[in-house]
Amino acid sequence: MKIRRQARAVALQALYEIDSVGHSRDQVIQGRIEDEGLPAEGAEFATALVRGVAEQRDRLDAIIKKHAPEWPVDQLATVDRNILRIALFELQHAGDVPIKVAINEAVELAKLFGSDTAPRFVNGVLGAFLHEHPAGELRR
């Protein structure tokens, strides 16, 4: 598995634990990084994702709510919610990650960790977001 894909999976697992159990963000990410044996580059990326999502959580949830209005954010599957948060954070703040890569990686995480319908749901929400926010408007 490529380092950044592995880092995204670690970030997803950490965010899932933080959402589900409420453990300390920094302790959780450090533990997941150690458990997975992520190299320094991957550890840095995973940490940036977890911290960024945590800091932008309310704003990211508002975006999810807007683009998936039939699904209350707090009632989404924890995995799906955090995949969307990671992808939306990357689309807006990770200038070195191409838009297509951010979306593809989110869909791949949904295939690995979500339900059978998760990939289509994630792709649909991200597609709706991008329809409203063309690439030129995103931080690149």
Protein backbone atom coordinates (compact mmCIF):
# COMPACT_ATOMS: atom_id res chain seq x y z
CA MET A 1 0.00 0.00 0.00
CA LYS A 2 1.32 3.44 -0.89
CA ILE A 3 2.42 5.60 2.02
CA ARG A 4 -0.22 8.30 1.62
CA ARG A 5 -3.02 5.73 1.20
CA GLN A 6 -1.81 4.00 4.34
CA ALA A 7 -1.64 7.38 6.11
CA ARG A 8 -5.25 8.12 5.11
CA ALA A 9 -6.35 4.75 6.47
CA VAL A 10 -4.52 5.46 9.74
CA ALA A 11 -6.12 8.91 9.92
CA LEU A 12 -9.55 7.37 9.29
CA GLN A 13 -9.04 4.80 12.02
CA ALA A 14 -7.87 7.49 14.45
CA LEU A 15 -10.83 9.75 13.65
CA TYR A 16 -13.19 6.80 14.05
CA GLU A 17 -11.77 6.09 17.51
CA ILE A 18 -11.91 9.74 18.51
CA ASP A 19 -15.56 9.96 17.36
CA SER A 20 -16.60 6.65 18.91
CA VAL A 21 -14.78 6.64 22.22
CA GLY A 22 -13.64 10.21 22.70
CA HIS A 23 -9.99 9.41 23.32
CA SER A 24 -7.35 12.14 23.11
CA ARG A 25 -6.60 13.13 19.52
CA ASP A 26 -2.82 13.21 19.89
CA GLN A 27 -2.63 9.94 21.82
CA VAL A 28 -4.85 8.16 19.34
CA ILE A 29 -2.94 9.29 16.25
CA GLN A 30 0.40 8.47 17.83
CA GLY A 31 -0.83 5.01 18.81
CA ARG A 32 -2.21 4.28 15.34
CA ILE A 33 1.02 5.47 13.69
CA GLU A 34 3.08 3.20 15.93
CA ASP A 35 0.73 0.24 15.41
CA GLU A 36 0.95 0.60 11.62
CA GLY A 37 4.68 1.37 11.54
CA LEU A 38 4.16 4.37 9.28
CA PRO A 39 7.35 5.96 7.99
CA ALA A 40 7.97 9.62 8.89
CA GLU A 41 6.36 11.00 5.71
CA GLY A 42 3.20 8.99 6.28
CA ALA A 43 3.10 9.84 9.98
CA GLU A 44 3.35 13.53 9.20
CA PHE A 45 0.56 13.32 6.61
CA ALA A 46 -1.74 11.27 8.85
CA THR A 47 -1.17 13.65 11.76
CA ALA A 48 -1.90 16.68 9.57
CA LEU A 49 -5.15 15.08 8.38
CA VAL A 50 -6.35 14.21 11.88
CA ARG A 51 -5.47 17.60 13.32
CA GLY A 52 -6.90 19.46 10.33
CA VAL A 53 -10.16 17.53 10.40
CA ALA A 54 -10.47 17.99 14.16
CA GLU A 55 -9.88 21.74 13.89
CA GLN A 56 -12.27 22.15 10.93
CA ARG A 57 -14.84 19.59 12.06
CA ASP A 58 -17.83 21.95 12.43
CA ARG A 59 -17.18 23.60 9.07
CA LEU A 60 -16.68 20.22 7.35
CA ASP A 61 -19.88 18.88 8.91
CA ALA A 62 -21.77 21.94 7.64
CA ILE A 63 -20.53 21.14 4.12
CA ILE A 64 -21.64 17.52 4.48
CA LYS A 65 -25.04 18.65 5.76
CA LYS A 66 -25.45 20.99 2.80
CA HIS A 67 -24.56 18.36 0.19
CA ALA A 68 -26.31 15.40 1.82
CA PRO A 69 -29.37 17.11 3.36
CA GLU A 70 -31.39 13.90 3.63
CA TRP A 71 -28.74 12.42 5.95
CA PRO A 72 -28.21 14.16 9.32
CA VAL A 73 -24.44 14.27 9.89
CA ASP A 74 -24.69 12.79 13.38
CA GLN A 75 -26.67 9.84 11.97
CA LEU A 76 -24.21 9.00 9.19
CA ALA A 77 -22.08 5.93 9.67
CA THR A 78 -18.98 7.04 11.58
CA VAL A 79 -16.76 5.67 8.82
CA ASP A 80 -18.60 7.52 6.05
CA ARG A 81 -18.67 10.77 8.01
CA ASN A 82 -14.93 10.68 8.62
CA ILE A 83 -14.06 9.68 5.07
CA LEU A 84 -16.01 12.72 3.89
CA ARG A 85 -14.32 14.95 6.45
CA ILE A 86 -10.86 13.80 5.33
CA ALA A 87 -11.65 14.26 1.64
CA LEU A 88 -13.23 17.69 2.11
CA PHE A 89 -10.30 18.79 4.22
CA GLU A 90 -7.87 17.61 1.53
CA LEU A 91 -9.84 19.30 -1.24
CA GLN A 92 -9.69 22.61 0.59
CA HIS A 93 -6.35 22.54 2.37
CA ALA A 94 -3.95 20.02 0.83
CA GLY A 95 -2.65 21.93 -2.17
CA ASP A 96 -0.26 19.13 -3.08
CA VAL A 97 -3.11 16.62 -3.49
CA PRO A 98 -4.83 16.74 -6.90
CA ILE A 99 -8.63 16.88 -6.77
CA LYS A 100 -9.04 13.56 -8.59
CA VAL A 101 -6.65 11.88 -6.17
CA ALA A 102 -8.52 13.17 -3.11
CA ILE A 103 -11.81 11.88 -4.49
CA ASN A 104 -10.39 8.55 -5.63
CA GLU A 105 -8.71 7.97 -2.28
CA ALA A 106 -11.96 8.73 -0.44
CA VAL A 107 -13.86 6.25 -2.61
CA GLU A 108 -11.14 3.63 -2.05
CA LEU A 109 -11.36 4.14 1.73
CA ALA A 110 -15.13 3.73 1.47
CA LYS A 111 -14.63 0.46 -0.41
CA LEU A 112 -12.20 -0.82 2.23
CA PHE A 113 -13.95 0.33 5.39
CA GLY A 114 -17.54 1.25 4.50
CA SER A 115 -20.70 -0.55 3.55
CA ASP A 116 -21.57 -1.64 0.02
CA THR A 117 -23.28 1.71 -0.64
CA ALA A 118 -20.57 3.87 0.95
CA PRO A 119 -18.42 4.40 -2.17
CA ARG A 120 -21.34 5.74 -4.19
CA PHE A 121 -22.53 7.91 -1.30
CA VAL A 122 -19.05 9.39 -0.72
CA ASN A 123 -18.56 10.00 -4.44
CA GLY A 124 -21.98 11.67 -4.68
CA VAL A 125 -21.41 14.07 -1.78
CA LEU A 126 -17.95 15.01 -3.03
CA GLY A 127 -19.28 15.44 -6.56
CA ALA A 128 -22.01 17.78 -5.31
CA PHE A 129 -19.43 19.79 -3.39
CA LEU A 130 -17.18 20.09 -6.45
CA HIS A 131 -20.11 21.04 -8.68
CA GLU A 132 -20.66 24.05 -6.43
CA HIS A 133 -16.95 24.78 -5.93
CA PRO A 134 -14.99 24.55 -9.19
CA ALA A 135 -11.32 23.64 -8.95
CA GLY A 136 -10.23 27.26 -9.31
CA GLU A 137 -12.04 28.19 -6.10
CA LEU A 138 -10.36 25.51 -4.00
CA ARG A 139 -7.08 26.21 -2.27
CA ARG A 140 -4.48 24.81 -4.65
